[in-house]
Amino acid sequence: SVIIDYGKRLVRYQSNALGYRDLSPEGNPSVAASNVFETLRWSETVDGATRVFVPELVLRGDESEGQQQQALVLAVKDKLTRAASAVVVNAFQ
């Protein structure tokens, strides 16, 4: 499997994966949005990988993120969900 992470949420599983990339180790939605397509293309080149795991991307309930940042988080989530053909697993253990 391959892990496409965001904000180091799944970094503890890195040693269990065939490949690992973080869209934005700092959790910056602008950086993640600019890296999503290249990272998805990379994930297709990892030999032996049959699954791609990503963390749940959620919006914060407070005003700490601006509307533009929240829109970018939603855009990244949408691109990853579409790339997964809308097959989503709700628990990663």
C-alpha atoms as a PDB file:
ATOM      1  CA  SER A   1       0.000   0.000   0.000  1.00  0.00           C
ATOM      2  CA  VAL A   2       0.895   3.655  -0.387  1.00  0.00           C
ATOM      3  CA  ILE A   3       0.159   6.430   2.079  1.00  0.00           C
ATOM      4  CA  ILE A   4      -0.612   9.942   0.894  1.00  0.00           C
ATOM      5  CA  ASP A   5      -0.574  11.959   4.078  1.00  0.00           C
ATOM      6  CA  TYR A   6      -1.563  15.473   5.092  1.00  0.00           C
ATOM      7  CA  GLY A   7      -0.057  17.224   8.073  1.00  0.00           C
ATOM      8  CA  LYS A   8       1.871  14.129   9.235  1.00  0.00           C
ATOM      9  CA  ARG A   9      -1.332  12.458  10.441  1.00  0.00           C
ATOM     10  CA  LEU A  10      -0.320   8.984   9.215  1.00  0.00           C
ATOM     11  CA  VAL A  11       3.460   9.276   9.531  1.00  0.00           C
ATOM     12  CA  ARG A  12       3.534   6.563  12.202  1.00  0.00           C
ATOM     13  CA  TYR A  13       2.436   4.049   9.530  1.00  0.00           C
ATOM     14  CA  GLN A  14       5.173   5.023   7.063  1.00  0.00           C
ATOM     15  CA  SER A  15       7.327   1.957   7.818  1.00  0.00           C
ATOM     16  CA  ASN A  16       4.380  -0.324   6.954  1.00  0.00           C
ATOM     17  CA  ALA A  17       3.849   1.127   3.474  1.00  0.00           C
ATOM     18  CA  LEU A  18       5.582   0.577   0.160  1.00  0.00           C
ATOM     19  CA  GLY A  19       5.622   4.335  -0.312  1.00  0.00           C
ATOM     20  CA  TYR A  20       4.830   7.464   1.662  1.00  0.00           C
ATOM     21  CA  ARG A  21       4.370  11.098   0.689  1.00  0.00           C
ATOM     22  CA  ASP A  22       2.907  13.996   2.600  1.00  0.00           C
ATOM     23  CA  LEU A  23       0.983  16.578   0.571  1.00  0.00           C
ATOM     24  CA  SER A  24       1.947  19.164   3.170  1.00  0.00           C
ATOM     25  CA  PRO A  25       3.796  18.182   6.360  1.00  0.00           C
ATOM     26  CA  GLU A  26       2.763  21.524   7.871  1.00  0.00           C
ATOM     27  CA  GLY A  27      -0.914  20.978   7.013  1.00  0.00           C
ATOM     28  CA  ASN A  28      -1.005  23.900   4.584  1.00  0.00           C
ATOM     29  CA  PRO A  29      -3.969  23.487   2.195  1.00  0.00           C
ATOM     30  CA  SER A  30      -2.336  25.654  -0.510  1.00  0.00           C
ATOM     31  CA  VAL A  31       0.748  23.436  -0.578  1.00  0.00           C
ATOM     32  CA  ALA A  32      -1.395  20.281  -0.504  1.00  0.00           C
ATOM     33  CA  ALA A  33      -3.528  21.508  -3.409  1.00  0.00           C
ATOM     34  CA  SER A  34      -0.448  22.187  -5.516  1.00  0.00           C
ATOM     35  CA  ASN A  35       0.978  18.717  -4.770  1.00  0.00           C
ATOM     36  CA  VAL A  36      -2.094  16.522  -5.118  1.00  0.00           C
ATOM     37  CA  PHE A  37      -1.898  15.604  -8.828  1.00  0.00           C
ATOM     38  CA  GLU A  38       1.840  14.930  -8.875  1.00  0.00           C
ATOM     39  CA  THR A  39       1.492  12.816  -5.742  1.00  0.00           C
ATOM     40  CA  LEU A  40      -1.391  10.811  -7.209  1.00  0.00           C
ATOM     41  CA  ARG A  41       0.684  10.148 -10.343  1.00  0.00           C
ATOM     42  CA  TRP A  42       3.599   9.065  -8.134  1.00  0.00           C
ATOM     43  CA  SER A  43       1.341   6.651  -6.218  1.00  0.00           C
ATOM     44  CA  GLU A  44       0.548   4.843  -9.470  1.00  0.00           C
ATOM     45  CA  THR A  45       4.246   4.126 -10.024  1.00  0.00           C
ATOM     46  CA  VAL A  46       4.926   2.375  -6.706  1.00  0.00           C
ATOM     47  CA  ASP A  47       5.576  -1.288  -7.530  1.00  0.00           C
ATOM     48  CA  GLY A  48       3.287  -3.709  -5.752  1.00  0.00           C
ATOM     49  CA  ALA A  49       0.945  -1.086  -4.328  1.00  0.00           C
ATOM     50  CA  THR A  50      -2.730  -1.978  -4.643  1.00  0.00           C
ATOM     51  CA  ARG A  51      -4.192   0.557  -2.192  1.00  0.00           C
ATOM     52  CA  VAL A  52      -3.699   4.199  -1.347  1.00  0.00           C
ATOM     53  CA  PHE A  53      -4.476   5.409   2.156  1.00  0.00           C
ATOM     54  CA  VAL A  54      -5.127   9.063   3.006  1.00  0.00           C
ATOM     55  CA  PRO A  55      -6.210  10.653   6.286  1.00  0.00           C
ATOM     56  CA  GLU A  56      -9.649  12.134   6.702  1.00  0.00           C
ATOM     57  CA  LEU A  57      -9.489  15.789   5.733  1.00  0.00           C
ATOM     58  CA  VAL A  58     -11.844  17.815   7.895  1.00  0.00           C
ATOM     59  CA  LEU A  59     -12.558  21.489   8.246  1.00  0.00           C
ATOM     60  CA  ARG A  60     -12.035  23.123  11.580  1.00  0.00           C
ATOM     61  CA  GLY A  61     -15.196  24.315  13.262  1.00  0.00           C
ATOM     62  CA  ASP A  62     -13.699  27.644  14.211  1.00  0.00           C
ATOM     63  CA  GLU A  63     -12.687  30.687  12.234  1.00  0.00           C
ATOM     64  CA  SER A  64      -8.960  29.918  12.424  1.00  0.00           C
ATOM     65  CA  GLU A  65      -9.002  28.927   8.761  1.00  0.00           C
ATOM     66  CA  GLY A  66     -10.137  31.499   6.248  1.00  0.00           C
ATOM     67  CA  GLN A  67     -12.752  30.692   3.641  1.00  0.00           C
ATOM     68  CA  GLN A  68     -10.109  30.315   0.938  1.00  0.00           C
ATOM     69  CA  GLN A  69      -8.141  27.831   3.050  1.00  0.00           C
ATOM     70  CA  GLN A  70     -11.295  25.843   3.790  1.00  0.00           C
ATOM     71  CA  ALA A  71     -12.157  25.776   0.089  1.00  0.00           C
ATOM     72  CA  LEU A  72      -8.692  24.403  -0.661  1.00  0.00           C
ATOM     73  CA  VAL A  73      -9.102  21.636   1.932  1.00  0.00           C
ATOM     74  CA  LEU A  74     -12.419  20.688   0.327  1.00  0.00           C
ATOM     75  CA  ALA A  75     -10.843  20.733  -3.142  1.00  0.00           C
ATOM     76  CA  VAL A  76      -8.016  18.429  -2.050  1.00  0.00           C
ATOM     77  CA  LYS A  77     -10.505  16.092  -0.380  1.00  0.00           C
ATOM     78  CA  ASP A  78     -12.637  16.060  -3.535  1.00  0.00           C
ATOM     79  CA  LYS A  79      -9.675  15.244  -5.799  1.00  0.00           C
ATOM     80  CA  LEU A  80      -8.538  12.400  -3.550  1.00  0.00           C
ATOM     81  CA  THR A  81     -12.079  10.987  -3.300  1.00  0.00           C
ATOM     82  CA  ARG A  82     -12.532  11.113  -7.066  1.00  0.00           C
ATOM     83  CA  ALA A  83      -9.174   9.429  -7.591  1.00  0.00           C
ATOM     84  CA  ALA A  84     -10.383   6.663  -5.282  1.00  0.00           C
ATOM     85  CA  SER A  85     -13.518   6.261  -7.436  1.00  0.00           C
ATOM     86  CA  ALA A  86     -15.443   7.307  -4.331  1.00  0.00           C
ATOM     87  CA  VAL A  87     -14.401   4.134  -2.471  1.00  0.00           C
ATOM     88  CA  VAL A  88     -13.787   5.383   1.054  1.00  0.00           C
ATOM     89  CA  VAL A  89     -12.872   3.350   4.112  1.00  0.00           C
ATOM     90  CA  ASN A  90     -13.968   5.066   7.287  1.00  0.00           C
ATOM     91  CA  ALA A  91     -11.416   3.570   9.675  1.00  0.00           C
ATOM     92  CA  PHE A  92      -7.672   3.162   9.428  1.00  0.00           C
ATOM     93  CA  GLN A  93      -6.285   0.908  12.124  1.00  0.00           C
END
